[in-house]
């Protein structure tokens, strides 16, 4: 059941309220303490929800990945499909990418991250000043979500992956079968076949809201 659960607007708001430095302390079985709080944590959770991307995907996004759709006048985020590229052994020019629409809420988040100032720069959206490796940050963001979620008092056993499930559920509810053009769940060949339409659909998602 937990694999299919989604997170409500109220639950997500409650989670963000709990992301505080004083709530970040976790005590391990050996007595050692660690603080999972990071100044970028709330933004990371929001980015995960508003893009529906996998952890590695949203945690490695850079401002240079944010594009303006040709002739559309809208923004989208170009994301490498790490999962597919690894399964198919694709490298360099052969790598596959997907386009994530910049909705109203996502655009507000990008503005909060100083998009205009950082437009086109090779700078991470999340934790650009953090001295830890990306691999370490990936672990931290997952552990932090589960840790802070406990403070919400929810009976749901949610983890970071459920932000993606929440996004995809909302996408399907809003677009029906056409949602696969954005989610890239129908396979590479189908995505290529519907490429033009998927770009048009990206343009139509400006009023789409996850929560």
Protein backbone atom coordinates (compact mmCIF):
# COMPACT_ATOMS: atom_id res chain seq x y z
CA UNK A 1 0.00 0.00 0.00
CA UNK A 2 2.81 2.43 0.87
CA UNK A 3 4.18 2.17 -2.67
CA UNK A 4 0.96 3.66 -4.04
CA UNK A 5 0.40 6.41 -1.52
CA UNK A 6 0.50 10.07 -2.43
CA UNK A 7 1.02 13.14 -0.28
CA UNK A 8 -1.65 15.79 0.24
CA UNK A 9 -1.11 19.53 0.15
CA UNK A 10 -1.67 19.72 3.90
CA UNK A 11 0.80 16.93 4.60
CA UNK A 12 3.47 18.51 2.41
CA UNK A 13 2.97 21.89 4.08
CA UNK A 14 3.27 20.22 7.48
CA UNK A 15 6.48 18.51 6.38
CA UNK A 16 8.07 21.80 5.28
CA UNK A 17 7.14 23.38 8.62
CA UNK A 18 9.12 20.64 10.38
CA UNK A 19 12.31 21.17 8.39
CA UNK A 20 14.13 23.10 11.09
CA UNK A 21 17.75 22.93 12.33
CA UNK A 22 16.63 21.81 15.78
CA UNK A 23 14.62 18.94 14.27
CA UNK A 24 17.48 17.71 12.14
CA UNK A 25 19.38 15.85 14.85
CA UNK A 26 19.35 12.08 14.52
CA UNK A 27 21.04 9.80 17.06
CA UNK A 28 22.54 6.59 15.72
CA UNK A 29 22.60 3.27 17.57
CA UNK A 30 26.25 3.85 18.50
CA UNK A 31 25.35 7.10 20.21
CA UNK A 32 26.78 9.36 17.53
CA UNK A 33 24.62 12.30 16.48
CA UNK A 34 24.20 13.80 13.05
CA UNK A 35 22.28 16.81 11.81
CA UNK A 36 20.37 16.09 8.60
CA UNK A 37 19.19 19.67 8.25
CA UNK A 38 20.54 21.68 5.32
CA UNK A 39 19.58 25.21 4.31
CA UNK A 40 18.60 23.91 0.85
CA UNK A 41 16.46 21.02 2.10
CA UNK A 42 13.03 22.68 1.75
CA UNK A 43 13.83 23.80 -1.80
CA UNK A 44 14.99 20.27 -2.65
CA UNK A 45 11.71 18.78 -1.46
CA UNK A 46 9.75 21.39 -3.44
CA UNK A 47 11.81 20.72 -6.56
CA UNK A 48 11.22 16.98 -6.23
CA UNK A 49 7.47 17.51 -5.96
CA UNK A 50 7.14 20.09 -8.74
CA UNK A 51 9.21 18.14 -11.28
CA UNK A 52 8.38 14.55 -10.40
CA UNK A 53 12.00 13.65 -11.08
CA UNK A 54 14.02 10.88 -9.53
CA UNK A 55 16.46 11.84 -6.78
CA UNK A 56 19.57 11.80 -8.98
CA UNK A 57 17.76 13.84 -11.62
CA UNK A 58 16.50 16.75 -9.53
CA UNK A 59 19.61 16.88 -7.33
CA UNK A 60 21.88 17.32 -10.37
CA UNK A 61 19.81 19.97 -12.17
CA UNK A 62 21.69 23.09 -13.18
CA UNK A 63 20.45 26.48 -14.30
CA UNK A 64 21.86 25.72 -17.73
CA UNK A 65 19.31 22.87 -17.98
CA UNK A 66 16.42 25.36 -17.95
CA UNK A 67 15.42 26.09 -21.54
CA UNK A 68 13.03 28.29 -23.46
CA UNK A 69 10.86 26.31 -25.85
CA UNK A 70 11.49 27.38 -29.44
CA UNK A 71 8.49 29.34 -30.66
CA UNK A 72 6.54 28.55 -27.51
CA UNK A 73 7.68 31.32 -25.23
CA UNK A 74 7.63 29.00 -22.22
CA UNK A 75 10.27 27.39 -20.07
CA UNK A 76 11.05 23.74 -19.66
CA UNK A 77 13.84 21.82 -17.98
CA UNK A 78 15.94 19.45 -20.07
CA UNK A 79 16.83 16.42 -17.99
CA UNK A 80 19.02 13.49 -18.89
CA UNK A 81 17.16 10.21 -18.51
CA UNK A 82 19.84 8.49 -16.46
CA UNK A 83 17.83 5.29 -16.00
CA UNK A 84 17.21 4.70 -19.71
CA UNK A 85 20.70 5.77 -20.78
CA UNK A 86 22.30 3.33 -18.35
CA UNK A 87 20.02 0.46 -19.35
CA UNK A 88 20.73 1.07 -23.03
CA UNK A 89 24.39 1.94 -22.58
CA UNK A 90 24.02 5.29 -24.29
CA UNK A 91 26.81 7.84 -24.04
CA UNK A 92 27.54 11.38 -25.21
CA UNK A 93 25.42 12.46 -28.21
CA UNK A 94 23.31 9.30 -28.09
CA UNK A 95 21.99 10.03 -24.61
CA UNK A 96 18.26 10.52 -24.19
CA UNK A 97 16.69 13.55 -22.52
CA UNK A 98 13.22 14.48 -21.38
CA UNK A 99 11.48 17.84 -21.06
CA UNK A 100 9.92 18.80 -17.75
CA UNK A 101 7.36 21.63 -18.00
CA UNK A 102 7.84 24.70 -15.85
CA UNK A 103 4.44 25.18 -14.24
CA UNK A 104 3.34 28.27 -12.32
CA UNK A 105 4.49 26.84 -9.00
CA UNK A 106 7.77 25.57 -10.41
CA UNK A 107 8.47 28.95 -12.00
CA UNK A 108 7.91 30.64 -8.64
CA UNK A 109 10.42 28.22 -7.13
CA UNK A 110 12.98 28.99 -9.84
CA UNK A 111 12.52 32.72 -9.23
CA UNK A 112 13.11 32.04 -5.53
CA UNK A 113 16.37 30.40 -6.59
CA UNK A 114 17.37 33.60 -8.47
CA UNK A 115 16.75 32.16 -11.92
CA UNK A 116 17.11 35.49 -13.73
CA UNK A 117 20.50 36.11 -12.16
CA UNK A 118 21.73 32.56 -12.74
CA UNK A 119 20.10 31.92 -16.13
CA UNK A 120 22.29 29.73 -18.32
CA UNK A 121 24.95 29.20 -15.67
CA UNK A 122 26.57 25.84 -14.95
CA UNK A 123 25.45 26.01 -11.30
CA UNK A 124 23.45 23.42 -9.38
CA UNK A 125 19.95 24.46 -8.35
CA UNK A 126 20.38 22.56 -5.08
CA UNK A 127 23.34 22.78 -2.71
CA UNK A 128 25.71 24.61 -5.05
CA UNK A 129 27.68 25.89 -2.05
CA UNK A 130 27.64 22.58 -0.18
CA UNK A 131 31.13 21.10 -0.02
CA UNK A 132 29.85 17.52 0.13
CA UNK A 133 29.90 15.37 -3.01
CA UNK A 134 26.73 14.95 -5.06
CA UNK A 135 26.66 11.29 -4.04
CA UNK A 136 26.62 12.32 -0.37
CA UNK A 137 23.89 14.90 -0.98
CA UNK A 138 21.75 12.24 -2.65
CA UNK A 139 21.94 10.13 0.49
CA UNK A 140 21.29 13.08 2.77
CA UNK A 141 18.17 14.28 0.97
CA UNK A 142 16.59 10.80 1.13
CA UNK A 143 17.40 10.26 4.80
CA UNK A 144 16.30 13.79 5.65
CA UNK A 145 12.89 13.35 4.06
CA UNK A 146 12.16 10.21 6.06
CA UNK A 147 13.51 11.83 9.21
CA UNK A 148 11.50 15.05 8.97
CA UNK A 149 8.39 13.17 7.82
CA UNK A 150 8.21 11.49 11.23
CA UNK A 151 7.65 14.91 12.80
CA UNK A 152 4.41 15.35 10.83
CA UNK A 153 2.70 12.69 12.91
CA UNK A 154 1.23 11.13 9.76
CA UNK A 155 0.41 7.43 9.85
CA UNK A 156 1.63 7.14 6.26
CA UNK A 157 5.02 5.55 5.81
CA UNK A 158 6.17 8.02 3.18
CA UNK A 159 9.64 8.47 1.76
CA UNK A 160 11.21 10.76 -0.85
CA UNK A 161 9.99 8.61 -3.75
CA UNK A 162 6.39 9.42 -2.87
CA UNK A 163 6.86 13.01 -4.03
CA UNK A 164 7.45 11.61 -7.52
CA UNK A 165 4.39 9.36 -7.20
CA UNK A 166 2.32 12.37 -6.11
CA UNK A 167 3.45 14.33 -9.17
CA UNK A 168 2.78 11.49 -11.59
CA UNK A 169 -0.64 10.82 -10.09
CA UNK A 170 -1.58 14.49 -10.52
CA UNK A 171 -0.21 14.42 -14.07
CA UNK A 172 -2.37 11.46 -15.04
CA UNK A 173 -5.45 12.99 -13.42
CA UNK A 174 -4.91 16.20 -15.39
CA UNK A 175 -3.83 14.85 -18.78
CA UNK A 176 -5.03 11.25 -18.85
CA UNK A 177 -3.15 9.04 -21.32
CA UNK A 178 -1.33 12.07 -22.72
CA UNK A 179 0.60 12.30 -19.46
CA UNK A 180 3.08 9.76 -20.81
CA UNK A 181 4.35 12.38 -23.25
CA UNK A 182 5.74 14.26 -20.27
CA UNK A 183 6.53 11.42 -17.87
CA UNK A 184 8.45 9.46 -20.54
CA UNK A 185 6.96 6.18 -19.31
CA UNK A 186 5.98 4.83 -22.73
CA UNK A 187 9.50 4.11 -23.97
CA UNK A 188 11.97 5.98 -26.08
CA UNK A 189 10.38 5.16 -29.46
CA UNK A 190 6.96 6.37 -28.37
CA UNK A 191 8.49 9.55 -26.99
CA UNK A 192 10.21 10.22 -30.34
CA UNK A 193 7.01 9.56 -32.24
CA UNK A 194 5.12 12.13 -30.18
CA UNK A 195 7.94 14.63 -29.78
CA UNK A 196 6.20 17.60 -31.39
CA UNK A 197 2.97 16.98 -29.55
CA UNK A 198 4.84 16.57 -26.29
CA UNK A 199 6.32 20.04 -26.76
CA UNK A 200 2.85 21.43 -27.32
CA UNK A 201 1.69 19.65 -24.21
CA UNK A 202 4.55 21.23 -22.30
CA UNK A 203 3.17 24.59 -23.35
CA UNK A 204 -0.29 23.62 -22.11
CA UNK A 205 0.90 22.71 -18.63
CA UNK A 206 1.44 26.23 -17.35
CA UNK A 207 -1.80 26.00 -15.35
CA UNK A 208 -1.10 22.50 -14.05
CA UNK A 209 -0.62 22.21 -10.29
CA UNK A 210 0.63 19.18 -8.38
CA UNK A 211 -1.03 20.14 -5.09
